[in-house]
Amino acid sequence: MTITDPSTRGASELDASRTADPDTSLWRRAAAGEREAFGALFERHAEALWNHCYRLTGSWALAEDITSATFLTAWAKVGGITLVRESALPWLYAVAGNIVRTENRRTARFARAVRRLPEDGTAEDHAEAVAHRVDVDRRTREVATAVARLPRAEREAVELCLLGELSTVDAATLLGIAEASVRARLSRARGRLRTLLEVTP
């Protein structure tokens, strides 16, 4: 997978993906068991999805894991997927968001378990800290943490529209609500995020 600066890619893939067979056609073929069609969808959307996962997590490695898990989920459910405006990307973004939230809960449980372990004098492992010293990674994690603290409705709107760069029309269709409701959720979320990020150390 070719990795690019996460700030430079996003839902522009929605337009680029239409230069060949539309996603709806590829999904139908994949649902019929044509692996090559699903492979074409992977090649079309993997980079944009990885960048979205990076924005959600602030971790290159975790973004890659979640991208893989998202496509595995897509393959398992390909027969029942409803696409938004003939693109699979909004649905993939939503699945990735759900996986990230599950991973965050798992990680939190693990961290609590580790804190209960007795001290044994083992030196602190600095490998992860060194790998994430780049300022953009730190800020991305701060944003991801703040987004995770939003109410669910606002968090979903932010993940799709602000982080995933989907239009409010596409997000409304995916979420099954009015576009005005998406805009209202985004407005409330922006206010909360400003407050949360101002107090982030």
N, C-alpha and C. Protein backbone atom coordinates (compact mmCIF):
# COMPACT_ATOMS: atom_id res chain seq x y z
N MET A 1 0.84 -1.19 0.00
CA MET A 1 0.00 0.00 0.00
C MET A 1 0.87 1.24 0.00
N THR A 2 0.59 2.20 -0.86
CA THR A 2 1.36 3.42 -0.90
C THR A 2 0.82 4.39 0.14
N ILE A 3 1.70 4.89 1.01
CA ILE A 3 1.30 5.77 2.09
C ILE A 3 1.60 7.21 1.70
N THR A 4 0.62 8.08 1.91
CA THR A 4 0.81 9.50 1.63
C THR A 4 0.58 10.29 2.90
N ASP A 5 0.87 11.57 2.83
CA ASP A 5 0.60 12.46 3.95
C ASP A 5 -0.90 12.41 4.24
N PRO A 6 -1.30 12.03 5.48
CA PRO A 6 -2.72 11.87 5.78
C PRO A 6 -3.53 13.13 5.55
N SER A 7 -2.89 14.31 5.59
CA SER A 7 -3.63 15.56 5.42
C SER A 7 -3.95 15.86 3.97
N THR A 8 -3.39 15.08 3.04
CA THR A 8 -3.54 15.43 1.63
C THR A 8 -4.54 14.55 0.90
N ARG A 9 -5.06 13.50 1.55
CA ARG A 9 -5.99 12.59 0.88
C ARG A 9 -7.28 12.51 1.65
N GLY A 10 -8.36 12.16 0.99
CA GLY A 10 -9.63 12.02 1.67
C GLY A 10 -10.68 11.53 0.72
N ALA A 11 -11.88 12.08 0.83
CA ALA A 11 -12.99 11.58 0.05
C ALA A 11 -12.96 12.06 -1.39
N SER A 12 -11.89 12.71 -1.83
CA SER A 12 -11.75 13.00 -3.25
C SER A 12 -11.75 11.70 -4.04
N GLU A 13 -11.47 10.56 -3.35
CA GLU A 13 -11.53 9.26 -3.99
C GLU A 13 -12.93 8.98 -4.53
N LEU A 14 -13.94 9.65 -3.96
CA LEU A 14 -15.30 9.43 -4.43
C LEU A 14 -15.43 9.78 -5.92
N ASP A 15 -14.75 10.85 -6.35
CA ASP A 15 -14.81 11.24 -7.75
C ASP A 15 -13.86 10.41 -8.59
N ALA A 16 -12.63 10.20 -8.07
CA ALA A 16 -11.63 9.46 -8.83
C ALA A 16 -12.07 8.03 -9.11
N SER A 17 -12.84 7.46 -8.19
CA SER A 17 -13.24 6.07 -8.33
C SER A 17 -14.21 5.85 -9.48
N ARG A 18 -14.81 6.93 -9.96
CA ARG A 18 -15.80 6.79 -11.01
C ARG A 18 -15.20 6.73 -12.40
N THR A 19 -13.86 6.78 -12.50
CA THR A 19 -13.22 6.76 -13.81
C THR A 19 -13.26 5.37 -14.43
N ALA A 20 -13.53 4.34 -13.64
CA ALA A 20 -13.62 2.98 -14.16
C ALA A 20 -15.02 2.44 -13.83
N ASP A 21 -15.13 1.13 -13.67
CA ASP A 21 -16.43 0.56 -13.29
C ASP A 21 -16.91 1.17 -11.98
N PRO A 22 -18.19 1.54 -11.90
CA PRO A 22 -18.70 2.10 -10.63
C PRO A 22 -18.66 1.05 -9.53
N ASP A 23 -18.61 1.52 -8.30
CA ASP A 23 -18.56 0.59 -7.17
C ASP A 23 -19.77 -0.33 -7.14
N THR A 24 -20.93 0.19 -7.54
CA THR A 24 -22.13 -0.65 -7.51
C THR A 24 -21.95 -1.90 -8.37
N SER A 25 -21.33 -1.72 -9.54
CA SER A 25 -21.10 -2.87 -10.42
C SER A 25 -20.09 -3.83 -9.81
N LEU A 26 -19.01 -3.28 -9.24
CA LEU A 26 -18.00 -4.13 -8.62
C LEU A 26 -18.57 -4.89 -7.42
N TRP A 27 -19.42 -4.21 -6.62
CA TRP A 27 -20.02 -4.89 -5.46
C TRP A 27 -20.88 -6.06 -5.91
N ARG A 28 -21.68 -5.85 -6.96
CA ARG A 28 -22.54 -6.93 -7.44
C ARG A 28 -21.69 -8.13 -7.89
N ARG A 29 -20.61 -7.84 -8.59
CA ARG A 29 -19.75 -8.92 -9.05
C ARG A 29 -19.05 -9.60 -7.87
N ALA A 30 -18.63 -8.81 -6.88
CA ALA A 30 -17.99 -9.40 -5.70
C ALA A 30 -18.98 -10.26 -4.93
N ALA A 31 -20.23 -9.80 -4.83
CA ALA A 31 -21.26 -10.56 -4.12
C ALA A 31 -21.51 -11.89 -4.81
N ALA A 32 -21.26 -11.93 -6.11
CA ALA A 32 -21.42 -13.17 -6.87
C ALA A 32 -20.20 -14.07 -6.77
N GLY A 33 -19.20 -13.63 -6.00
CA GLY A 33 -18.03 -14.45 -5.77
C GLY A 33 -16.81 -14.08 -6.60
N GLU A 34 -16.87 -12.96 -7.32
CA GLU A 34 -15.74 -12.57 -8.16
C GLU A 34 -14.71 -11.82 -7.32
N ARG A 35 -13.67 -12.51 -6.95
CA ARG A 35 -12.65 -11.91 -6.08
C ARG A 35 -11.91 -10.76 -6.77
N GLU A 36 -11.76 -10.85 -8.08
CA GLU A 36 -11.06 -9.77 -8.80
C GLU A 36 -11.81 -8.45 -8.65
N ALA A 37 -13.13 -8.50 -8.62
CA ALA A 37 -13.92 -7.28 -8.47
C ALA A 37 -13.70 -6.67 -7.09
N PHE A 38 -13.66 -7.53 -6.07
CA PHE A 38 -13.41 -7.01 -4.73
C PHE A 38 -11.99 -6.47 -4.63
N GLY A 39 -11.04 -7.13 -5.31
CA GLY A 39 -9.67 -6.63 -5.33
C GLY A 39 -9.58 -5.26 -5.96
N ALA A 40 -10.38 -5.02 -7.00
CA ALA A 40 -10.39 -3.70 -7.64
C ALA A 40 -10.91 -2.64 -6.67
N LEU A 41 -11.91 -3.00 -5.88
CA LEU A 41 -12.43 -2.07 -4.87
C LEU A 41 -11.38 -1.77 -3.81
N PHE A 42 -10.65 -2.81 -3.41
CA PHE A 42 -9.58 -2.60 -2.44
C PHE A 42 -8.54 -1.62 -2.98
N GLU A 43 -8.09 -1.85 -4.21
CA GLU A 43 -7.09 -0.96 -4.81
C GLU A 43 -7.61 0.46 -4.93
N ARG A 44 -8.90 0.59 -5.19
CA ARG A 44 -9.50 1.90 -5.39
C ARG A 44 -9.58 2.71 -4.10
N HIS A 45 -9.90 2.04 -2.99
CA HIS A 45 -10.23 2.78 -1.77
C HIS A 45 -9.26 2.56 -0.60
N ALA A 46 -8.30 1.64 -0.72
CA ALA A 46 -7.46 1.30 0.43
C ALA A 46 -6.68 2.50 0.95
N GLU A 47 -6.12 3.30 0.06
CA GLU A 47 -5.30 4.42 0.52
C GLU A 47 -6.13 5.47 1.25
N ALA A 48 -7.30 5.81 0.67
CA ALA A 48 -8.16 6.79 1.33
C ALA A 48 -8.64 6.27 2.68
N LEU A 49 -8.96 4.97 2.75
CA LEU A 49 -9.42 4.40 4.01
C LEU A 49 -8.30 4.39 5.04
N TRP A 50 -7.08 4.04 4.61
CA TRP A 50 -5.95 4.05 5.54
C TRP A 50 -5.76 5.45 6.13
N ASN A 51 -5.81 6.46 5.26
CA ASN A 51 -5.63 7.83 5.74
C ASN A 51 -6.74 8.23 6.71
N HIS A 52 -7.95 7.78 6.44
CA HIS A 52 -9.06 8.06 7.36
C HIS A 52 -8.81 7.39 8.71
N CYS A 53 -8.37 6.13 8.68
CA CYS A 53 -8.08 5.42 9.93
C CYS A 53 -6.94 6.08 10.69
N TYR A 54 -5.97 6.61 9.94
CA TYR A 54 -4.88 7.33 10.60
C TYR A 54 -5.41 8.57 11.33
N ARG A 55 -6.32 9.28 10.68
CA ARG A 55 -6.89 10.46 11.33
C ARG A 55 -7.65 10.08 12.59
N LEU A 56 -8.28 8.91 12.59
CA LEU A 56 -9.04 8.47 13.74
C LEU A 56 -8.16 7.99 14.89
N THR A 57 -6.98 7.47 14.58
CA THR A 57 -6.15 6.82 15.61
C THR A 57 -4.83 7.53 15.91
N GLY A 58 -4.26 8.23 14.93
CA GLY A 58 -2.95 8.82 15.12
C GLY A 58 -1.82 7.81 15.13
N SER A 59 -2.10 6.60 14.68
CA SER A 59 -1.09 5.53 14.66
C SER A 59 -1.04 4.90 13.29
N TRP A 60 0.15 4.88 12.68
CA TRP A 60 0.31 4.26 11.36
C TRP A 60 -0.02 2.77 11.41
N ALA A 61 0.54 2.07 12.39
CA ALA A 61 0.36 0.62 12.47
C ALA A 61 -1.11 0.26 12.73
N LEU A 62 -1.74 0.97 13.66
CA LEU A 62 -3.14 0.69 13.98
C LEU A 62 -4.04 1.02 12.79
N ALA A 63 -3.71 2.08 12.07
CA ALA A 63 -4.49 2.43 10.89
C ALA A 63 -4.44 1.31 9.85
N GLU A 64 -3.28 0.70 9.70
CA GLU A 64 -3.15 -0.41 8.75
C GLU A 64 -3.97 -1.62 9.19
N ASP A 65 -3.93 -1.92 10.50
CA ASP A 65 -4.70 -3.04 11.02
C ASP A 65 -6.20 -2.82 10.82
N ILE A 66 -6.65 -1.61 11.10
CA ILE A 66 -8.08 -1.32 10.99
C ILE A 66 -8.52 -1.30 9.53
N THR A 67 -7.66 -0.83 8.65
CA THR A 67 -7.97 -0.88 7.22
C THR A 67 -8.19 -2.32 6.78
N SER A 68 -7.30 -3.21 7.19
CA SER A 68 -7.43 -4.63 6.85
C SER A 68 -8.72 -5.21 7.43
N ALA A 69 -9.01 -4.90 8.68
CA ALA A 69 -10.21 -5.42 9.33
C ALA A 69 -11.47 -4.90 8.65
N THR A 70 -11.42 -3.66 8.19
CA THR A 70 -12.59 -3.08 7.51
C THR A 70 -12.88 -3.81 6.21
N PHE A 71 -11.83 -4.09 5.44
CA PHE A 71 -12.05 -4.80 4.18
C PHE A 71 -12.47 -6.25 4.41
N LEU A 72 -11.98 -6.87 5.48
CA LEU A 72 -12.44 -8.21 5.82
C LEU A 72 -13.93 -8.19 6.15
N THR A 73 -14.37 -7.17 6.88
CA THR A 73 -15.78 -7.02 7.19
C THR A 73 -16.58 -6.79 5.92
N ALA A 74 -16.05 -5.96 5.02
CA ALA A 74 -16.74 -5.70 3.76
C ALA A 74 -16.91 -6.97 2.95
N TRP A 75 -15.88 -7.79 2.89
CA TRP A 75 -15.96 -9.04 2.13
C TRP A 75 -17.01 -9.97 2.73
N ALA A 76 -17.07 -10.00 4.06
CA ALA A 76 -18.04 -10.88 4.73
C ALA A 76 -19.47 -10.41 4.51
N LYS A 77 -19.67 -9.09 4.30
CA LYS A 77 -21.02 -8.54 4.20
C LYS A 77 -21.34 -7.98 2.82
N VAL A 78 -20.52 -8.31 1.83
CA VAL A 78 -20.65 -7.67 0.54
C VAL A 78 -22.04 -7.84 -0.07
N GLY A 79 -22.69 -8.94 0.22
CA GLY A 79 -24.01 -9.18 -0.35
C GLY A 79 -25.10 -8.29 0.20
N GLY A 80 -24.89 -7.68 1.36
CA GLY A 80 -25.94 -6.87 1.98
C GLY A 80 -25.64 -5.40 2.10
N ILE A 81 -24.62 -4.93 1.40
CA ILE A 81 -24.20 -3.54 1.51
C ILE A 81 -25.05 -2.64 0.62
N THR A 82 -25.51 -1.51 1.16
CA THR A 82 -26.19 -0.49 0.39
C THR A 82 -25.22 0.67 0.21
N LEU A 83 -24.86 0.99 -1.00
CA LEU A 83 -23.89 2.04 -1.26
C LEU A 83 -24.53 3.42 -1.33
N VAL A 84 -23.77 4.44 -0.96
CA VAL A 84 -24.22 5.83 -1.04
C VAL A 84 -23.67 6.44 -2.32
N ARG A 85 -24.55 6.89 -3.19
CA ARG A 85 -24.14 7.53 -4.44
C ARG A 85 -23.12 6.70 -5.20
N GLU A 86 -23.35 5.42 -5.25
CA GLU A 86 -22.54 4.48 -6.01
C GLU A 86 -21.10 4.35 -5.51
N SER A 87 -20.82 4.81 -4.32
CA SER A 87 -19.46 4.67 -3.77
C SER A 87 -19.49 3.84 -2.50
N ALA A 88 -18.48 2.98 -2.34
CA ALA A 88 -18.36 2.17 -1.13
C ALA A 88 -17.66 2.92 -0.01
N LEU A 89 -17.01 4.02 -0.32
CA LEU A 89 -16.16 4.68 0.67
C LEU A 89 -16.91 5.15 1.91
N PRO A 90 -18.09 5.78 1.80
CA PRO A 90 -18.80 6.17 3.03
C PRO A 90 -19.09 4.99 3.94
N TRP A 91 -19.51 3.87 3.37
CA TRP A 91 -19.79 2.69 4.18
C TRP A 91 -18.52 2.17 4.84
N LEU A 92 -17.41 2.16 4.10
CA LEU A 92 -16.14 1.72 4.66
C LEU A 92 -15.71 2.62 5.81
N TYR A 93 -15.92 3.94 5.67
CA TYR A 93 -15.60 4.87 6.74
C TYR A 93 -16.40 4.55 8.00
N ALA A 94 -17.69 4.26 7.82
CA ALA A 94 -18.54 3.96 8.98
C ALA A 94 -18.08 2.68 9.68
N VAL A 95 -17.76 1.66 8.91
CA VAL A 95 -17.28 0.41 9.50
C VAL A 95 -15.97 0.63 10.25
N ALA A 96 -15.06 1.39 9.64
CA ALA A 96 -13.78 1.68 10.30
C ALA A 96 -13.99 2.40 11.61
N GLY A 97 -14.92 3.35 11.64
CA GLY A 97 -15.21 4.07 12.88
C GLY A 97 -15.68 3.13 13.98
N ASN A 98 -16.53 2.17 13.62
CA ASN A 98 -17.00 1.20 14.61
C ASN A 98 -15.85 0.34 15.13
N ILE A 99 -14.95 -0.07 14.24
CA ILE A 99 -13.81 -0.89 14.65
C ILE A 99 -12.88 -0.10 15.57
N VAL A 100 -12.66 1.18 15.25
CA VAL A 100 -11.81 2.02 16.10
C VAL A 100 -12.40 2.13 17.50
N ARG A 101 -13.71 2.32 17.60
CA ARG A 101 -14.33 2.44 18.92
C ARG A 101 -14.19 1.13 19.71
N THR A 102 -14.34 0.00 19.03
CA THR A 102 -14.15 -1.29 19.70
C THR A 102 -12.71 -1.45 20.17
N GLU A 103 -11.77 -1.06 19.33
CA GLU A 103 -10.35 -1.15 19.68
C GLU A 103 -10.02 -0.24 20.86
N ASN A 104 -10.62 0.95 20.87
CA ASN A 104 -10.37 1.88 21.99
C ASN A 104 -10.85 1.28 23.31
N ARG A 105 -12.01 0.62 23.28
CA ARG A 105 -12.51 -0.01 24.51
C ARG A 105 -11.59 -1.14 24.94
N ARG A 106 -11.14 -1.95 23.97
CA ARG A 106 -10.23 -3.07 24.30
C ARG A 106 -8.93 -2.55 24.89
N THR A 107 -8.37 -1.51 24.28
CA THR A 107 -7.11 -0.94 24.75
C THR A 107 -7.25 -0.36 26.15
N ALA A 108 -8.39 0.29 26.41
CA ALA A 108 -8.62 0.87 27.73
C ALA A 108 -8.68 -0.23 28.79
N ARG A 109 -9.34 -1.35 28.47
CA ARG A 109 -9.39 -2.45 29.43
C ARG A 109 -8.00 -3.02 29.69
N PHE A 110 -7.21 -3.15 28.63
CA PHE A 110 -5.85 -3.67 28.77
C PHE A 110 -5.00 -2.73 29.64
N ALA A 111 -5.14 -1.42 29.41
CA ALA A 111 -4.35 -0.45 30.18
C ALA A 111 -4.71 -0.52 31.66
N ARG A 112 -6.00 -0.68 31.95
CA ARG A 112 -6.40 -0.79 33.36
C ARG A 112 -5.82 -2.05 33.98
N ALA A 113 -5.79 -3.15 33.22
CA ALA A 113 -5.22 -4.39 33.74
C ALA A 113 -3.73 -4.25 34.01
N VAL A 114 -3.02 -3.57 33.11
CA VAL A 114 -1.58 -3.38 33.29
C VAL A 114 -1.29 -2.54 34.53
N ARG A 115 -2.11 -1.52 34.77
CA ARG A 115 -1.90 -0.67 35.95
C ARG A 115 -2.07 -1.44 37.25
N ARG A 116 -2.80 -2.55 37.21
CA ARG A 116 -3.00 -3.34 38.42
C ARG A 116 -1.86 -4.31 38.68
N LEU A 117 -0.95 -4.48 37.71
CA LEU A 117 0.17 -5.40 37.88
C LEU A 117 1.17 -4.82 38.87
N PRO A 118 1.84 -5.68 39.66
CA PRO A 118 2.86 -5.19 40.60
C PRO A 118 4.10 -4.70 39.85
N GLU A 119 4.78 -3.73 40.43
CA GLU A 119 6.02 -3.22 39.84
C GLU A 119 7.09 -4.30 39.91
N ASP A 120 7.83 -4.48 38.81
CA ASP A 120 8.89 -5.49 38.83
C ASP A 120 10.25 -4.92 38.43
N GLY A 121 10.30 -3.61 38.31
CA GLY A 121 11.57 -2.97 37.99
C GLY A 121 11.92 -3.00 36.52
N THR A 122 11.00 -3.47 35.67
CA THR A 122 11.27 -3.52 34.24
C THR A 122 11.39 -2.11 33.68
N ALA A 123 12.41 -1.87 32.87
CA ALA A 123 12.60 -0.54 32.29
C ALA A 123 11.47 -0.21 31.34
N GLU A 124 11.09 1.05 31.32
CA GLU A 124 10.01 1.51 30.44
C GLU A 124 10.40 1.33 28.98
N ASP A 125 9.47 0.83 28.20
CA ASP A 125 9.70 0.63 26.77
C ASP A 125 9.41 1.95 26.05
N HIS A 126 10.47 2.55 25.45
CA HIS A 126 10.32 3.85 24.80
C HIS A 126 10.10 3.73 23.30
N ALA A 127 9.99 2.51 22.78
CA ALA A 127 9.91 2.34 21.32
C ALA A 127 8.72 3.08 20.74
N GLU A 128 7.55 2.92 21.34
CA GLU A 128 6.36 3.57 20.79
C GLU A 128 6.46 5.08 20.90
N ALA A 129 6.99 5.56 22.05
CA ALA A 129 7.11 7.00 22.23
C ALA A 129 8.02 7.61 21.17
N VAL A 130 9.13 6.93 20.88
CA VAL A 130 10.06 7.43 19.87
C VAL A 130 9.40 7.45 18.50
N ALA A 131 8.63 6.40 18.19
CA ALA A 131 8.00 6.29 16.87
C ALA A 131 6.96 7.37 16.62
N HIS A 132 6.42 7.95 17.70
CA HIS A 132 5.33 8.91 17.54
C HIS A 132 5.70 10.32 17.99
N ARG A 133 6.97 10.68 17.90
CA ARG A 133 7.39 12.01 18.31
C ARG A 133 7.08 13.09 17.29
N VAL A 134 6.77 12.70 16.10
CA VAL A 134 6.48 13.68 15.06
C VAL A 134 5.25 14.49 15.46
N ASP A 135 5.33 15.80 15.32
CA ASP A 135 4.27 16.67 15.80
C ASP A 135 2.90 16.34 15.20
N VAL A 136 2.86 16.00 13.92
CA VAL A 136 1.57 15.73 13.31
C VAL A 136 0.91 14.53 13.93
N ASP A 137 1.69 13.53 14.33
CA ASP A 137 1.13 12.36 14.99
C ASP A 137 0.55 12.74 16.34
N ARG A 138 1.28 13.55 17.08
CA ARG A 138 0.80 13.95 18.41
C ARG A 138 -0.51 14.71 18.30
N ARG A 139 -0.56 15.66 17.37
CA ARG A 139 -1.77 16.46 17.23
C ARG A 139 -2.93 15.61 16.72
N THR A 140 -2.64 14.67 15.85
CA THR A 140 -3.69 13.79 15.35
C THR A 140 -4.28 12.96 16.48
N ARG A 141 -3.43 12.48 17.38
CA ARG A 141 -3.94 11.71 18.51
C ARG A 141 -4.78 12.59 19.43
N GLU A 142 -4.38 13.83 19.61
CA GLU A 142 -5.16 14.75 20.43
C GLU A 142 -6.56 14.94 19.84
N VAL A 143 -6.61 15.13 18.54
CA VAL A 143 -7.90 15.31 17.88
C VAL A 143 -8.73 14.05 17.99
N ALA A 144 -8.11 12.89 17.74
CA ALA A 144 -8.83 11.61 17.82
C ALA A 144 -9.39 11.40 19.22
N THR A 145 -8.63 11.75 20.24
CA THR A 145 -9.09 11.61 21.62
C THR A 145 -10.27 12.51 21.89
N ALA A 146 -10.19 13.75 21.38
CA ALA A 146 -11.29 14.69 21.57
C ALA A 146 -12.54 14.22 20.85
N VAL A 147 -12.39 13.72 19.64
CA VAL A 147 -13.54 13.24 18.87
C VAL A 147 -14.19 12.06 19.59
N ALA A 148 -13.38 11.18 20.18
CA ALA A 148 -13.91 10.01 20.88
C ALA A 148 -14.77 10.40 22.08
N ARG A 149 -14.58 11.61 22.60
CA ARG A 149 -15.33 12.07 23.77
C ARG A 149 -16.66 12.73 23.41
N LEU A 150 -16.91 12.92 22.13
CA LEU A 150 -18.16 13.54 21.70
C LEU A 150 -19.34 12.58 21.88
N PRO A 151 -20.55 13.11 22.04
CA PRO A 151 -21.73 12.23 22.01
C PRO A 151 -21.77 11.48 20.69
N ARG A 152 -22.36 10.28 20.70
CA ARG A 152 -22.29 9.40 19.54
C ARG A 152 -22.77 10.07 18.25
N ALA A 153 -23.90 10.75 18.30
CA ALA A 153 -24.46 11.35 17.08
C ALA A 153 -23.50 12.37 16.49
N GLU A 154 -22.90 13.20 17.35
CA GLU A 154 -21.96 14.21 16.87
C GLU A 154 -20.66 13.56 16.40
N ARG A 155 -20.23 12.53 17.12
CA ARG A 155 -18.99 11.84 16.73
C ARG A 155 -19.11 11.23 15.35
N GLU A 156 -20.24 10.59 15.05
CA GLU A 156 -20.43 9.99 13.74
C GLU A 156 -20.39 11.04 12.63
N ALA A 157 -21.01 12.19 12.89
CA ALA A 157 -21.02 13.26 11.88
C ALA A 157 -19.61 13.79 11.65
N VAL A 158 -18.85 13.94 12.72
CA VAL A 158 -17.47 14.43 12.60
C VAL A 158 -16.60 13.43 11.85
N GLU A 159 -16.73 12.15 12.20
CA GLU A 159 -15.91 11.13 11.55
C GLU A 159 -16.16 11.08 10.05
N LEU A 160 -17.42 11.24 9.66
CA LEU A 160 -17.75 11.15 8.24
C LEU A 160 -17.44 12.44 7.48
N CYS A 161 -17.83 13.58 8.05
CA CYS A 161 -17.73 14.84 7.30
C CYS A 161 -16.42 15.58 7.51
N LEU A 162 -15.95 15.68 8.74
CA LEU A 162 -14.74 16.45 9.01
C LEU A 162 -13.48 15.60 8.81
N LEU A 163 -13.48 14.38 9.34
CA LEU A 163 -12.31 13.52 9.17
C LEU A 163 -12.35 12.77 7.85
N GLY A 164 -13.54 12.28 7.49
CA GLY A 164 -13.67 11.54 6.24
C GLY A 164 -13.90 12.41 5.03
N GLU A 165 -14.22 13.69 5.25
CA GLU A 165 -14.41 14.67 4.18
C GLU A 165 -15.55 14.29 3.23
N LEU A 166 -16.57 13.61 3.76
CA LEU A 166 -17.76 13.36 2.97
C LEU A 166 -18.64 14.60 2.98
N SER A 167 -19.49 14.73 1.97
CA SER A 167 -20.45 15.83 1.96
C SER A 167 -21.52 15.55 3.00
N THR A 168 -22.20 16.61 3.45
CA THR A 168 -23.28 16.42 4.41
C THR A 168 -24.43 15.64 3.79
N VAL A 169 -24.59 15.74 2.47
CA VAL A 169 -25.63 14.98 1.78
C VAL A 169 -25.33 13.48 1.88
N ASP A 170 -24.10 13.09 1.58
CA ASP A 170 -23.72 11.68 1.65
C ASP A 170 -23.82 11.16 3.08
N ALA A 171 -23.37 11.96 4.04
CA ALA A 171 -23.42 11.54 5.44
C ALA A 171 -24.87 11.36 5.89
N ALA A 172 -25.75 12.27 5.48
CA ALA A 172 -27.16 12.17 5.85
C ALA A 172 -27.78 10.89 5.29
N THR A 173 -27.45 10.56 4.05
CA THR A 173 -27.97 9.34 3.45
C THR A 173 -27.47 8.11 4.19
N LEU A 174 -26.18 8.11 4.51
CA LEU A 174 -25.59 6.97 5.20
C LEU A 174 -26.19 6.79 6.59
N LEU A 175 -26.42 7.91 7.30
CA LEU A 175 -26.93 7.84 8.66
C LEU A 175 -28.45 7.73 8.72
N GLY A 176 -29.13 7.96 7.59
CA GLY A 176 -30.58 7.87 7.55
C GLY A 176 -31.28 9.03 8.24
N ILE A 177 -30.67 10.23 8.15
CA ILE A 177 -31.27 11.42 8.77
C ILE A 177 -31.28 12.56 7.76
N ALA A 178 -31.90 13.67 8.12
CA ALA A 178 -31.95 14.82 7.23
C ALA A 178 -30.58 15.51 7.19
N GLU A 179 -30.28 16.14 6.04
CA GLU A 179 -29.02 16.86 5.93
C GLU A 179 -28.93 17.97 6.97
N ALA A 180 -30.06 18.61 7.27
CA ALA A 180 -30.05 19.68 8.28
C ALA A 180 -29.62 19.15 9.64
N SER A 181 -29.98 17.91 9.94
CA SER A 181 -29.58 17.32 11.21
C SER A 181 -28.08 17.09 11.26
N VAL A 182 -27.51 16.68 10.13
CA VAL A 182 -26.06 16.50 10.06
C VAL A 182 -25.36 17.83 10.31
N ARG A 183 -25.84 18.88 9.66
CA ARG A 183 -25.24 20.20 9.83
C ARG A 183 -25.34 20.67 11.29
N ALA A 184 -26.47 20.40 11.92
CA ALA A 184 -26.64 20.81 13.32
C ALA A 184 -25.68 20.05 14.22
N ARG A 185 -25.53 18.74 13.95
CA ARG A 185 -24.60 17.94 14.76
C ARG A 185 -23.16 18.43 14.58
N LEU A 186 -22.80 18.78 13.37
CA LEU A 186 -21.46 19.28 13.12
C LEU A 186 -21.22 20.60 13.84
N SER A 187 -22.24 21.45 13.84
CA SER A 187 -22.09 22.75 14.51
C SER A 187 -21.87 22.56 16.00
N ARG A 188 -22.66 21.68 16.61
CA ARG A 188 -22.48 21.42 18.05
C ARG A 188 -21.12 20.78 18.32
N ALA A 189 -20.73 19.86 17.44
CA ALA A 189 -19.46 19.16 17.63
C ALA A 189 -18.28 20.12 17.54
N ARG A 190 -18.33 21.05 16.60
CA ARG A 190 -17.22 22.01 16.48
C ARG A 190 -17.04 22.80 17.77
N GLY A 191 -18.15 23.22 18.38
CA GLY A 191 -18.05 23.94 19.64
C GLY A 191 -17.43 23.10 20.74
N ARG A 192 -17.87 21.85 20.84
CA ARG A 192 -17.30 20.96 21.86
C ARG A 192 -15.82 20.71 21.61
N LEU A 193 -15.46 20.49 20.34
CA LEU A 193 -14.07 20.19 20.02
C LEU A 193 -13.16 21.38 20.33
N ARG A 194 -13.64 22.57 20.04
CA ARG A 194 -12.82 23.76 20.37
C ARG A 194 -12.51 23.78 21.86
N THR A 195 -13.53 23.49 22.68
CA THR A 195 -13.33 23.48 24.13
C THR A 195 -12.39 22.35 24.55
N LEU A 196 -12.60 21.15 24.01
CA LEU A 196 -11.77 20.00 24.38
C LEU A 196 -10.32 20.19 23.97
N LEU A 197 -10.08 20.73 22.78
CA LEU A 197 -8.70 20.88 22.29
C LEU A 197 -7.99 22.04 22.95
N GLU A 198 -8.73 23.02 23.42
CA GLU A 198 -8.10 24.14 24.14
C GLU A 198 -7.52 23.68 25.46
N VAL A 199 -8.14 22.67 26.10
CA VAL A 199 -7.63 22.21 27.40
C VAL A 199 -6.70 21.03 27.26
N THR A 200 -6.46 20.54 26.01
CA THR A 200 -5.52 19.44 25.82
C THR A 200 -4.12 19.91 26.08
N PRO A 201 -3.35 19.26 26.95
CA PRO A 201 -1.97 19.71 27.25
C PRO A 201 -1.06 19.55 26.07
